[in-house]
Protein backbone atom coordinates (compact mmCIF):
# COMPACT_ATOMS: atom_id res chain seq x y z
CA UNK A 1 -28.88 -11.08 16.15
CA UNK A 2 -27.92 -13.84 18.60
CA UNK A 3 -24.95 -15.17 16.65
CA UNK A 4 -23.38 -11.77 15.93
CA UNK A 5 -19.83 -11.26 17.18
CA UNK A 6 -20.04 -7.50 16.58
CA UNK A 7 -23.04 -5.17 16.34
CA UNK A 8 -22.65 -1.46 15.70
CA UNK A 9 -25.78 0.68 16.03
CA UNK A 10 -26.03 4.34 15.07
CA UNK A 11 -22.29 5.07 15.16
CA UNK A 12 -21.38 8.69 14.42
CA UNK A 13 -17.94 10.30 14.46
CA UNK A 14 -16.83 13.76 13.33
CA UNK A 15 -13.43 15.43 13.18
CA UNK A 16 -14.25 19.13 13.09
CA UNK A 17 -16.25 19.71 9.92
CA UNK A 18 -15.47 16.23 8.57
CA UNK A 19 -18.26 13.72 9.35
CA UNK A 20 -16.21 10.52 9.06
CA UNK A 21 -18.94 8.06 10.14
CA UNK A 22 -22.67 8.75 9.66
CA UNK A 23 -25.23 6.62 11.52
CA UNK A 24 -23.40 3.33 10.89
CA UNK A 25 -25.28 0.08 11.47
CA UNK A 26 -23.33 -3.15 11.02
CA UNK A 27 -23.70 -6.77 12.15
CA UNK A 28 -20.83 -9.24 11.77
CA UNK A 29 -21.74 -12.93 12.29
CA UNK A 30 -19.51 -14.94 14.59
CA UNK A 31 -17.03 -17.31 12.94
CA UNK A 32 -17.02 -15.55 9.56
CA UNK A 33 -14.65 -13.44 7.48
CA UNK A 34 -16.39 -10.11 6.90
CA UNK A 35 -15.02 -7.63 4.38
CA UNK A 36 -15.41 -3.87 4.68
CA UNK A 37 -14.64 -1.95 1.50
CA UNK A 38 -14.88 1.62 0.33
CA UNK A 39 -12.92 4.39 -1.31
CA UNK A 40 -9.97 5.94 0.47
CA UNK A 41 -11.46 8.30 3.02
CA UNK A 42 -14.82 6.49 3.12
CA UNK A 43 -14.53 6.02 6.90
CA UNK A 44 -13.53 2.32 7.09
CA UNK A 45 -10.45 2.75 9.24
CA UNK A 46 -12.19 5.32 11.46
CA UNK A 47 -15.00 2.84 12.14
CA UNK A 48 -12.59 0.06 13.04
CA UNK A 49 -10.52 2.46 15.16
CA UNK A 50 -13.70 3.15 17.17
CA UNK A 51 -14.21 -0.59 17.60
CA UNK A 52 -10.59 -0.94 18.78
CA UNK A 53 -10.71 2.02 21.14
CA UNK A 54 -8.41 4.45 19.33
CA UNK A 55 -11.36 6.79 18.88
CA UNK A 56 -14.61 7.13 20.76
CA UNK A 57 -17.84 7.52 18.82
CA UNK A 58 -19.78 10.75 19.26
CA UNK A 59 -22.94 8.63 19.51
CA UNK A 60 -24.10 5.06 19.00
CA UNK A 61 -23.69 1.67 20.65
CA UNK A 62 -21.23 -1.22 20.35
CA UNK A 63 -22.31 -4.75 21.26
CA UNK A 64 -19.79 -7.60 21.44
CA UNK A 65 -21.26 -11.12 21.51
CA UNK A 66 -24.66 -9.57 22.20
CA UNK A 67 -23.55 -7.47 25.19
CA UNK A 68 -23.44 -3.64 25.17
CA UNK A 69 -19.78 -2.75 25.55
CA UNK A 70 -17.88 0.46 26.26
CA UNK A 71 -14.51 0.53 24.47
CA UNK A 72 -12.56 3.62 25.50
CA UNK A 73 -9.01 2.37 24.89
CA UNK A 74 -7.25 -0.45 23.00
CA UNK A 75 -6.81 -2.17 26.36
CA UNK A 76 -10.60 -2.29 26.67
CA UNK A 77 -10.82 -3.83 23.20
CA UNK A 78 -8.16 -6.42 24.01
CA UNK A 79 -9.95 -7.31 27.25
CA UNK A 80 -13.13 -7.79 25.21
CA UNK A 81 -11.35 -10.20 22.85
CA UNK A 82 -10.72 -7.81 19.95
CA UNK A 83 -7.31 -7.59 18.28
CA UNK A 84 -6.19 -5.37 15.41
CA UNK A 85 -3.42 -5.64 12.83
CA UNK A 86 -2.75 -2.17 11.48
CA UNK A 87 -1.82 -1.24 7.92
CA UNK A 88 1.48 0.15 9.22
CA UNK A 89 2.81 -2.34 11.74
CA UNK A 90 3.11 -1.41 15.43
CA UNK A 91 6.35 -3.29 16.11
CA UNK A 92 9.57 -2.28 17.87
CA UNK A 93 12.09 -2.83 15.09
CA UNK A 94 15.13 -3.71 17.23
CA UNK A 95 13.21 -6.11 19.53
CA UNK A 96 12.89 -9.84 18.89
CA UNK A 97 9.66 -11.51 17.82
CA UNK A 98 9.14 -12.84 21.36
CA UNK A 99 9.78 -9.44 22.95
CA UNK A 100 7.26 -7.77 20.63
CA UNK A 101 4.61 -10.40 21.34
CA UNK A 102 5.11 -10.02 25.10
CA UNK A 103 5.34 -6.23 25.14
CA UNK A 104 2.58 -4.83 27.35
CA UNK A 105 1.43 -8.31 28.38
CA UNK A 106 4.38 -9.54 30.44
CA UNK A 107 2.12 -10.87 33.19
CA UNK A 108 4.53 -12.29 35.79
CA UNK A 109 6.42 -10.23 38.36
CA UNK A 110 9.55 -12.21 37.51
CA UNK A 111 10.39 -11.49 33.87
CA UNK A 112 12.37 -14.73 33.45
CA UNK A 113 9.33 -16.83 34.32
CA UNK A 114 7.15 -14.66 32.09
CA UNK A 115 9.52 -15.11 29.14
CA UNK A 116 9.48 -18.90 29.48
CA UNK A 117 5.68 -19.03 29.56
CA UNK A 118 5.41 -16.60 26.65
CA UNK A 119 7.84 -18.64 24.54
CA UNK A 120 5.85 -21.82 25.17
CA UNK A 121 2.54 -20.11 24.29
CA UNK A 122 4.03 -18.48 21.20
CA UNK A 123 5.29 -21.82 19.88
CA UNK A 124 1.83 -23.32 20.48
CA UNK A 125 0.11 -20.53 18.56
CA UNK A 126 2.59 -20.75 15.69
CA UNK A 127 1.92 -24.46 15.24
CA UNK A 128 -1.83 -24.23 15.70
CA UNK A 129 -2.34 -21.48 13.13
CA UNK A 130 0.53 -22.05 10.70
CA UNK A 131 2.22 -18.79 11.73
CA UNK A 132 5.77 -20.13 12.05
CA UNK A 133 8.40 -17.47 12.70
CA UNK A 134 11.64 -17.62 14.70
CA UNK A 135 10.89 -16.21 18.20
CA UNK A 136 14.48 -14.97 18.47
CA UNK A 137 14.55 -13.12 15.14
CA UNK A 138 14.97 -9.32 15.20
CA UNK A 139 11.94 -7.61 13.64
CA UNK A 140 13.91 -5.28 11.34
CA UNK A 141 15.62 -8.31 9.78
CA UNK A 142 12.33 -9.98 8.83
CA UNK A 143 10.49 -9.48 5.52
CA UNK A 144 7.15 -7.70 5.78
CA UNK A 145 5.17 -10.93 5.38
CA UNK A 146 6.74 -12.38 8.53
CA UNK A 147 6.36 -9.06 10.38
CA UNK A 148 2.65 -9.27 9.69
CA UNK A 149 2.56 -12.76 11.17
CA UNK A 150 4.09 -11.30 14.34
CA UNK A 151 1.26 -8.75 14.51
CA UNK A 152 -1.32 -11.55 14.21
CA UNK A 153 0.51 -13.58 16.86
CA UNK A 154 0.47 -10.54 19.18
CA UNK A 155 -3.31 -10.37 18.90
CA UNK A 156 -3.80 -14.12 19.41
CA UNK A 157 -1.40 -14.12 22.37
CA UNK A 158 -3.66 -11.54 24.03
CA UNK A 159 -6.68 -13.80 23.56
CA UNK A 160 -8.33 -12.22 20.50
CA UNK A 161 -11.44 -13.98 19.21
CA UNK A 162 -12.22 -11.10 16.84
CA UNK A 163 -9.37 -9.99 14.58
CA UNK A 164 -9.45 -6.77 12.56
CA UNK A 165 -6.97 -6.45 9.68
CA UNK A 166 -6.56 -3.04 8.03
CA UNK A 167 -5.36 -3.28 4.40
CA UNK A 168 -3.32 -6.39 5.26
CA UNK A 169 -2.01 -7.09 1.75
CA UNK A 170 -0.90 -3.55 0.92
CA UNK A 171 2.73 -4.42 1.63
CA UNK A 172 2.66 -8.11 0.65
CA UNK A 173 3.70 -9.92 -2.49
CA UNK A 174 1.02 -12.08 -4.20
CA UNK A 175 2.56 -15.23 -2.69
CA UNK A 176 2.59 -13.69 0.80
CA UNK A 177 -1.02 -12.57 0.36
CA UNK A 178 -2.05 -16.11 -0.61
CA UNK A 179 -0.36 -17.45 2.53
CA UNK A 180 -2.14 -14.84 4.66
CA UNK A 181 -5.49 -15.95 3.25
CA UNK A 182 -4.75 -19.55 4.19
CA UNK A 183 -4.03 -18.36 7.73
CA UNK A 184 -7.28 -16.37 7.87
CA UNK A 185 -9.26 -19.38 6.63
CA UNK A 186 -7.71 -21.48 9.38
CA UNK A 187 -8.56 -18.83 11.99
CA UNK A 188 -12.16 -18.93 10.78
CA UNK A 189 -12.18 -22.74 10.99
CA UNK A 190 -11.06 -22.42 14.61
CA UNK A 191 -14.09 -20.24 15.35
CA UNK A 192 -12.42 -16.82 15.16
CA UNK A 193 -14.18 -13.84 13.56
CA UNK A 194 -12.13 -11.87 11.04
CA UNK A 195 -12.89 -8.33 9.85
CA UNK A 196 -10.95 -7.50 6.68
CA UNK A 197 -10.61 -3.86 5.57
CA UNK A 198 -9.38 -3.76 1.99
CA UNK A 199 -9.80 -2.00 -1.34
CA UNK A 200 -8.89 -5.09 -3.40
CA UNK A 201 -12.11 -6.55 -4.73
CA UNK A 202 -10.52 -9.75 -5.96
CA UNK A 203 -9.41 -10.49 -2.39
CA UNK A 204 -12.92 -9.81 -1.10
CA UNK A 205 -14.34 -12.32 -3.58
CA UNK A 206 -11.68 -14.91 -2.74
CA UNK A 207 -11.76 -14.96 1.07
CA UNK A 208 -14.84 -13.33 2.63
CA UNK A 209 -18.27 -14.68 3.55
CA UNK A 210 -19.97 -11.27 3.62
CA UNK A 211 -18.97 -7.78 2.52
CA UNK A 212 -20.16 -4.33 3.61
CA UNK A 213 -19.63 -1.25 1.46
CA UNK A 214 -18.97 2.26 2.81
CA UNK A 215 -19.19 5.48 0.82
CA UNK A 216 -18.62 9.00 2.14
CA UNK A 217 -18.90 7.91 5.76
CA UNK A 218 -22.09 5.86 5.33
CA UNK A 219 -22.76 2.14 5.14
CA UNK A 220 -24.50 1.78 1.78
CA UNK A 221 -24.83 -2.00 1.38
CA UNK A 222 -24.06 -5.43 2.83
CA UNK A 223 -23.97 -8.47 0.57
CA UNK A 224 -23.26 -12.16 0.83
CA UNK A 225 -20.05 -12.47 -1.15
CA UNK A 226 -21.40 -15.43 -3.10
CA UNK A 227 -24.33 -13.31 -4.28
CA UNK A 228 -22.45 -10.27 -5.61
CA UNK A 229 -19.88 -9.44 -8.27
CA UNK A 230 -16.75 -7.33 -8.56
CA UNK A 231 -18.62 -4.97 -10.87
CA UNK A 232 -21.49 -4.42 -8.41
CA UNK A 233 -19.11 -3.83 -5.49
CA UNK A 234 -17.05 -1.34 -7.48
CA UNK A 235 -20.17 0.60 -8.43
CA UNK A 236 -21.41 0.61 -4.82
CA UNK A 237 -18.03 1.88 -3.61
CA UNK A 238 -17.72 4.75 -6.06
CA UNK A 239 -21.36 5.54 -6.84
CA UNK A 240 -20.91 5.06 -10.59
CA UNK A 241 -19.73 2.43 -13.04
CA UNK A 242 -15.98 1.84 -12.87
CA UNK A 243 -13.72 0.65 -15.66
CA UNK A 244 -11.89 -2.34 -14.22
CA UNK A 245 -9.63 -2.65 -17.27
CA UNK A 246 -7.39 0.07 -18.64
CA UNK A 247 -8.49 1.45 -21.99
CA UNK A 248 -5.62 2.60 -24.18
CA UNK A 249 -4.67 2.93 -27.81
CA UNK A 250 -1.58 1.36 -29.26
CA UNK A 251 1.54 3.23 -28.22
CA UNK A 252 3.63 5.33 -30.59
CA UNK A 253 7.15 5.15 -29.17
CA UNK A 254 9.60 7.84 -30.24
CA UNK A 255 13.15 8.71 -29.29
CA UNK A 256 15.05 7.21 -26.38
CA UNK A 257 14.41 9.24 -23.22
CA UNK A 258 16.05 6.98 -20.61
CA UNK A 259 18.81 4.44 -21.21
CA UNK A 260 20.37 2.22 -18.55
CA UNK A 261 23.47 0.22 -19.47
CA UNK A 262 25.17 -2.49 -17.40
CA UNK A 263 24.02 -1.03 -14.08
CA UNK A 264 25.22 -2.76 -10.91
CA UNK A 265 24.08 -1.65 -7.45
CA UNK A 266 24.95 -3.00 -4.00
CA UNK A 267 23.13 -2.42 -0.74
CA UNK A 268 24.63 -1.28 2.57
CA UNK A 269 25.70 -4.86 3.35
CA UNK A 270 27.61 -5.14 0.10
CA UNK A 271 25.04 -7.52 -1.44
CA UNK A 272 24.50 -7.03 -5.19
CA UNK A 273 20.85 -6.02 -5.67
CA UNK A 274 21.01 -4.86 -9.30
CA UNK A 275 23.26 -7.06 -11.42
CA UNK A 276 24.37 -5.74 -14.83
CA UNK A 277 20.93 -4.43 -15.81
CA UNK A 278 20.30 -2.69 -19.15
CA UNK A 279 17.03 -1.19 -20.38
CA UNK A 280 15.64 1.64 -22.51
CA UNK A 281 12.45 3.68 -22.28
CA UNK A 282 11.25 5.71 -25.28
CA UNK A 283 9.04 8.74 -25.47
CA UNK A 284 5.41 7.64 -25.71
CA UNK A 285 5.71 4.27 -24.00
CA UNK A 286 5.29 2.67 -20.61
CA UNK A 287 7.88 0.06 -19.71
CA UNK A 288 6.78 -2.08 -16.77
CA UNK A 289 9.09 -4.03 -14.49
CA UNK A 290 7.49 -7.11 -12.97
CA UNK A 291 8.94 -9.24 -10.21
CA UNK A 292 8.48 -10.40 -6.67
CA UNK A 293 9.41 -7.62 -4.23
CA UNK A 294 13.06 -7.72 -3.19
CA UNK A 295 14.55 -8.66 -6.55
CA UNK A 296 16.26 -5.33 -7.20
CA UNK A 297 13.40 -3.23 -8.57
CA UNK A 298 13.46 -0.75 -5.67
CA UNK A 299 17.21 -0.28 -5.85
CA UNK A 300 17.02 0.22 -9.62
CA UNK A 301 14.50 3.05 -9.32
CA UNK A 302 16.36 4.70 -6.43
CA UNK A 303 19.61 4.68 -8.42
CA UNK A 304 18.02 6.21 -11.51
CA UNK A 305 16.42 8.85 -9.28
CA UNK A 306 19.77 9.81 -7.74
CA UNK A 307 18.93 8.53 -4.26
CA UNK A 308 21.29 5.54 -4.26
CA UNK A 309 24.84 5.21 -5.65
CA UNK A 310 25.73 2.56 -8.24
CA UNK A 311 28.87 0.46 -8.30
CA UNK A 312 29.14 0.66 -12.07
CA UNK A 313 27.18 1.28 -15.23
CA UNK A 314 25.76 4.27 -17.06
CA UNK A 315 22.39 6.02 -17.19
CA UNK A 316 21.49 8.51 -19.94
CA UNK A 317 18.63 11.01 -19.64
CA UNK A 318 17.77 12.53 -23.04
CA UNK A 319 21.14 11.27 -24.27
CA UNK A 320 23.12 13.01 -21.51
CA UNK A 321 24.73 11.06 -18.66
CA UNK A 322 23.60 10.91 -15.06
CA UNK A 323 26.57 10.39 -12.74
CA UNK A 324 24.99 7.45 -10.90
CA UNK A 325 28.31 6.29 -9.44
CA UNK A 326 29.13 9.69 -7.98
CA UNK A 327 27.34 13.02 -7.82
CA UNK A 328 23.84 12.33 -9.16
CA UNK A 329 21.38 14.54 -7.27
CA UNK A 330 17.57 14.20 -7.21
CA UNK A 331 17.13 17.98 -7.41
CA UNK A 332 19.33 18.26 -10.49
CA UNK A 333 17.45 15.38 -12.15
CA UNK A 334 14.09 17.06 -11.45
CA UNK A 335 15.40 20.17 -13.19
CA UNK A 336 16.39 17.96 -16.15
CA UNK A 337 12.85 16.61 -16.46
CA UNK A 338 12.93 13.37 -14.47
CA UNK A 339 10.20 12.94 -11.85
CA UNK A 340 10.06 10.15 -9.29
CA UNK A 341 7.07 8.69 -7.45
CA UNK A 342 8.74 6.53 -4.78
CA UNK A 343 7.49 3.16 -3.62
CA UNK A 344 7.35 4.26 0.01
CA UNK A 345 5.33 7.45 0.19
CA UNK A 346 5.73 7.75 3.97
CA UNK A 347 9.50 7.62 4.24
CA UNK A 348 10.54 9.05 0.88
CA UNK A 349 7.58 10.81 -0.74
CA UNK A 350 6.07 12.87 2.08
CA UNK A 351 6.78 14.62 5.36
CA UNK A 352 3.71 13.48 7.28
CA UNK A 353 3.64 16.27 9.94
CA UNK A 354 3.63 18.89 7.13
CA UNK A 355 0.37 20.35 5.87
CA UNK A 356 -0.85 19.19 2.47
CA UNK A 357 0.18 22.37 0.65
CA UNK A 358 3.74 22.05 1.99
CA UNK A 359 4.06 18.50 0.68
CA UNK A 360 2.57 19.56 -2.65
CA UNK A 361 5.78 21.45 -3.55
CA UNK A 362 8.49 19.31 -1.91
CA UNK A 363 11.52 19.27 -4.18
CA UNK A 364 10.09 22.09 -6.30
CA UNK A 365 10.00 24.76 -3.61
CA UNK A 366 12.74 26.80 -5.31
CA UNK A 367 10.75 27.15 -8.55
CA UNK A 368 9.88 30.71 -9.50
CA UNK A 369 6.11 30.21 -9.33
CA UNK A 370 6.38 29.52 -5.58
CA UNK A 371 8.65 32.46 -4.74
CA UNK A 372 8.18 36.12 -3.96
CA UNK A 373 11.67 37.51 -4.13
CA UNK A 374 13.88 35.34 -1.88
CA UNK A 375 10.87 34.11 0.14
CA UNK A 376 8.20 31.48 -0.37
CA UNK A 377 4.92 32.86 -1.69
CA UNK A 378 2.61 31.02 0.70
CA UNK A 379 -0.62 32.19 -0.92
CA UNK A 380 0.57 31.10 -4.37
CA UNK A 381 1.60 27.70 -2.97
CA UNK A 382 -1.77 27.21 -1.28
CA UNK A 383 -3.65 28.23 -4.41
CA UNK A 384 -1.57 25.77 -6.44
CA UNK A 385 -2.31 23.06 -3.85
CA UNK A 386 -6.05 23.75 -4.09
CA UNK A 387 -5.87 23.36 -7.87
CA UNK A 388 -4.16 19.97 -7.49
CA UNK A 389 -6.67 18.87 -4.86
CA UNK A 390 -9.53 19.59 -7.26
CA UNK A 391 -7.83 18.09 -10.30
CA UNK A 392 -6.80 14.88 -8.52
CA UNK A 393 -9.91 14.59 -6.31
CA UNK A 394 -7.85 14.58 -3.10
CA UNK A 395 -10.05 14.14 -0.03
CA UNK A 396 -10.63 15.97 2.27
CA UNK A 397 -10.25 19.04 0.05
CA UNK A 398 -8.26 20.97 2.64
CA UNK A 399 -4.73 22.12 1.84
CA UNK A 400 -4.18 23.07 5.51
CA UNK A 401 -4.78 19.54 6.82
CA UNK A 402 -1.70 17.70 8.07
CA UNK A 403 -0.70 15.05 5.55
CA UNK A 404 -0.70 12.32 8.22
CA UNK A 405 -4.47 12.79 8.50
CA UNK A 406 -5.15 11.83 4.86
CA UNK A 407 -5.86 8.20 3.97
CA UNK A 408 -3.11 6.25 2.23
CA UNK A 409 -4.73 6.55 -1.19
CA UNK A 410 -5.11 10.30 -0.88
CA UNK A 411 -1.51 10.60 0.29
CA UNK A 412 -0.55 8.76 -2.92
CA UNK A 413 -2.56 11.26 -4.96
CA UNK A 414 -0.67 14.13 -3.29
CA UNK A 415 2.65 12.64 -4.45
CA UNK A 416 1.37 11.87 -7.96
CA UNK A 417 -0.10 15.35 -8.37
CA UNK A 418 3.15 16.97 -7.30
CA UNK A 419 5.25 14.98 -9.77
CA UNK A 420 2.91 14.70 -12.78
CA UNK A 421 1.83 18.35 -12.75
CA UNK A 422 5.44 19.40 -13.34
CA UNK A 423 5.08 17.84 -16.81
CA UNK A 424 8.28 15.75 -16.68
CA UNK A 425 9.73 14.16 -19.80
CA UNK A 426 10.46 10.96 -17.84
CA UNK A 427 8.43 9.59 -14.93
CA UNK A 428 9.71 6.69 -12.85
CA UNK A 429 7.03 5.36 -10.56
CA UNK A 430 7.05 2.59 -7.96
CA UNK A 431 3.88 0.83 -6.81
CA UNK A 432 1.57 3.64 -8.03
CA UNK A 433 -1.62 2.15 -6.60
CA UNK A 434 -0.40 0.47 -3.39
CA UNK A 435 -3.09 0.94 -0.75
CA UNK A 436 -5.38 2.73 -3.22
CA UNK A 437 -9.10 2.06 -3.79
CA UNK A 438 -10.68 0.97 -7.06
CA UNK A 439 -11.91 4.46 -8.05
CA UNK A 440 -8.52 6.03 -7.41
CA UNK A 441 -6.78 3.18 -9.26
CA UNK A 442 -8.87 3.96 -12.33
CA UNK A 443 -7.95 7.65 -12.01
CA UNK A 444 -4.20 6.99 -11.57
CA UNK A 445 -4.10 4.56 -14.49
CA UNK A 446 -5.77 7.13 -16.73
CA UNK A 447 -3.17 9.73 -15.71
CA UNK A 448 -0.29 7.40 -16.55
CA UNK A 449 -1.80 6.53 -19.94
CA UNK A 450 -2.36 10.25 -20.62
CA UNK A 451 1.32 10.91 -19.89
CA UNK A 452 2.32 8.18 -22.34
CA UNK A 453 -0.04 9.54 -24.99
CA UNK A 454 1.46 13.01 -24.49
CA UNK A 455 4.86 11.63 -25.50
CA UNK A 456 6.32 11.10 -22.03
CA UNK A 457 8.41 8.10 -21.05
CA UNK A 458 7.18 6.10 -18.05
CA UNK A 459 9.15 3.43 -16.17
CA UNK A 460 6.75 1.53 -13.91
CA UNK A 461 7.48 -0.93 -11.09
CA UNK A 462 4.59 -2.85 -9.56
CA UNK A 463 4.07 -6.16 -7.78
CA UNK A 464 0.52 -6.21 -9.19
CA UNK A 465 0.73 -8.32 -12.35
CA UNK A 466 -2.67 -7.12 -13.56
CA UNK A 467 -1.43 -3.54 -13.34
CA UNK A 468 1.80 -4.30 -15.18
CA UNK A 469 -0.01 -6.19 -17.93
CA UNK A 470 -2.75 -3.60 -18.47
CA UNK A 471 -0.53 -0.50 -18.45
CA UNK A 472 2.73 -1.60 -20.07
CA UNK A 473 3.71 -1.49 -23.73
CA UNK A 474 6.74 -3.62 -22.87
CA UNK A 475 7.33 -5.73 -19.76
CA UNK A 476 10.71 -6.57 -18.24
CA UNK A 477 10.90 -9.22 -15.53
CA UNK A 478 13.51 -9.00 -12.78
CA UNK A 479 14.70 -11.95 -10.73
CA UNK A 480 17.63 -11.94 -8.31
CA UNK A 481 18.75 -8.52 -9.52
CA UNK A 482 18.81 -9.34 -13.21
CA UNK A 483 16.44 -8.82 -16.13
CA UNK A 484 15.51 -12.40 -17.05
CA UNK A 485 13.03 -11.71 -19.81
CA UNK A 486 11.17 -9.15 -21.91
CA UNK A 487 7.61 -9.49 -23.17
CA UNK A 488 4.99 -7.24 -24.72
CA UNK A 489 1.87 -6.12 -22.90
CA UNK A 490 -0.08 -9.15 -24.14
CA UNK A 491 2.03 -11.62 -22.15
CA UNK A 492 0.01 -14.02 -20.03
CA UNK A 493 0.09 -14.03 -16.24
CA UNK A 494 1.38 -17.60 -16.30
CA UNK A 495 4.26 -16.76 -18.62
CA UNK A 496 5.28 -13.77 -16.49
CA UNK A 497 4.89 -15.83 -13.32
CA UNK A 498 7.40 -18.39 -14.61
CA UNK A 499 9.92 -15.65 -15.31
CA UNK A 500 9.31 -14.10 -11.88
CA UNK A 501 10.11 -17.49 -10.35
CA UNK A 502 13.50 -17.49 -12.09
CA UNK A 503 12.68 -19.70 -15.06
CA UNK A 504 14.93 -18.67 -17.92
CA UNK A 505 13.45 -16.96 -20.96
CA UNK A 506 13.86 -19.95 -23.25
CA UNK A 507 12.12 -22.31 -20.78
CA UNK A 508 9.25 -19.88 -20.22
CA UNK A 509 8.64 -19.65 -23.96
CA UNK A 510 8.27 -23.43 -24.36
């Protein structure tokens, strides 16, 4: 294929007994945006890691621009014109944008000269591709959307003509995702080739020219995007028909399970993030909180969960107070029937170097079922973990595997299984399907609806409006730390979007 930027022929890769890639054949035309989709654990990221030199294939051939190429390290990939933007950014948080872009590619013996040339080139790239970001800004002070731009600039600075993006919108708001797509379209117009790994079918339909589908380590189909549908792609990914809309009966709300009154929370800088917020969640209902990320939703959940202290306000769990301004403790709240699925599974939900079975009991390790006298009953814990793995279809089905080696979606299932299987009366959950494939999304949504139907109270935060609208019985919208409106689950995306933009309730209703 003369105009192919990338050709993979007969690629195989195993990790012990796990055959991650099986005889993969793939051709990616030059100057196109090519999507690669599949369930979590289907082998997408492994395949792209082989192309970028993180892993070496056990067998098979890579051709770049028609030439057989050996890629043993990321430096080999970069020298070949391949760049990669990872799902979890590879940036030094206390370095500036310019320092991160230069890192490893300083070039000149005299650093001062190198810095001047790098600054000039960085400014050129920013203007050419619409990737404006302050070169002097410190990475940790930038929102994730701008951090992602820095990752793209790093790749372009190193001369990438082929750009791989792994789940690039997993940490972006809808507006940031739209801006990213405009950037990718411009890169394509400039002759770059973009490989997009994602689980979001709507994004595939919106931005790609072609899409390849992986399932259980194999490449099962490649389609022109204009000649396929979301329904066909979902079925190819999972191997069966997938319900793309949540099916649920009308809720039957009961007694108040969680009540928040006049809650105010400040961050470490003293900035008010939650401003006099009040809400209630009843047994047998899901209350969704919509809003652009950064408008206080995260701080609200963390305060209710006992992780963050409030300045003022009250929170009642089953009519009894939680001391959110003082001694609230996550362990005590778990014992009182409140479970928490955090937004950030890596930093709050899991200990990645731990094995799966160890993470499966975090926070519940002192429960009697996991103890033998004063000691942990390891066999009982592992048996319990195997039950959860089967029930939640966690892949690979190995409770002894380190949690860092599971895909993001399967890591999310580990957290959800741990919290839901304790049968809490109240579940607060942040971004339940972030980085999760379409089959797992369907599974997670069914679990949340089943909790509601069993009389549990669920408080849900998500930046995905479709998710909020399809799951919630009532929807609250937060803007600038305040609840600016309440709607039922039938509210339109446009109406909610106005509220998310800060339009007052009365204006949005007109």
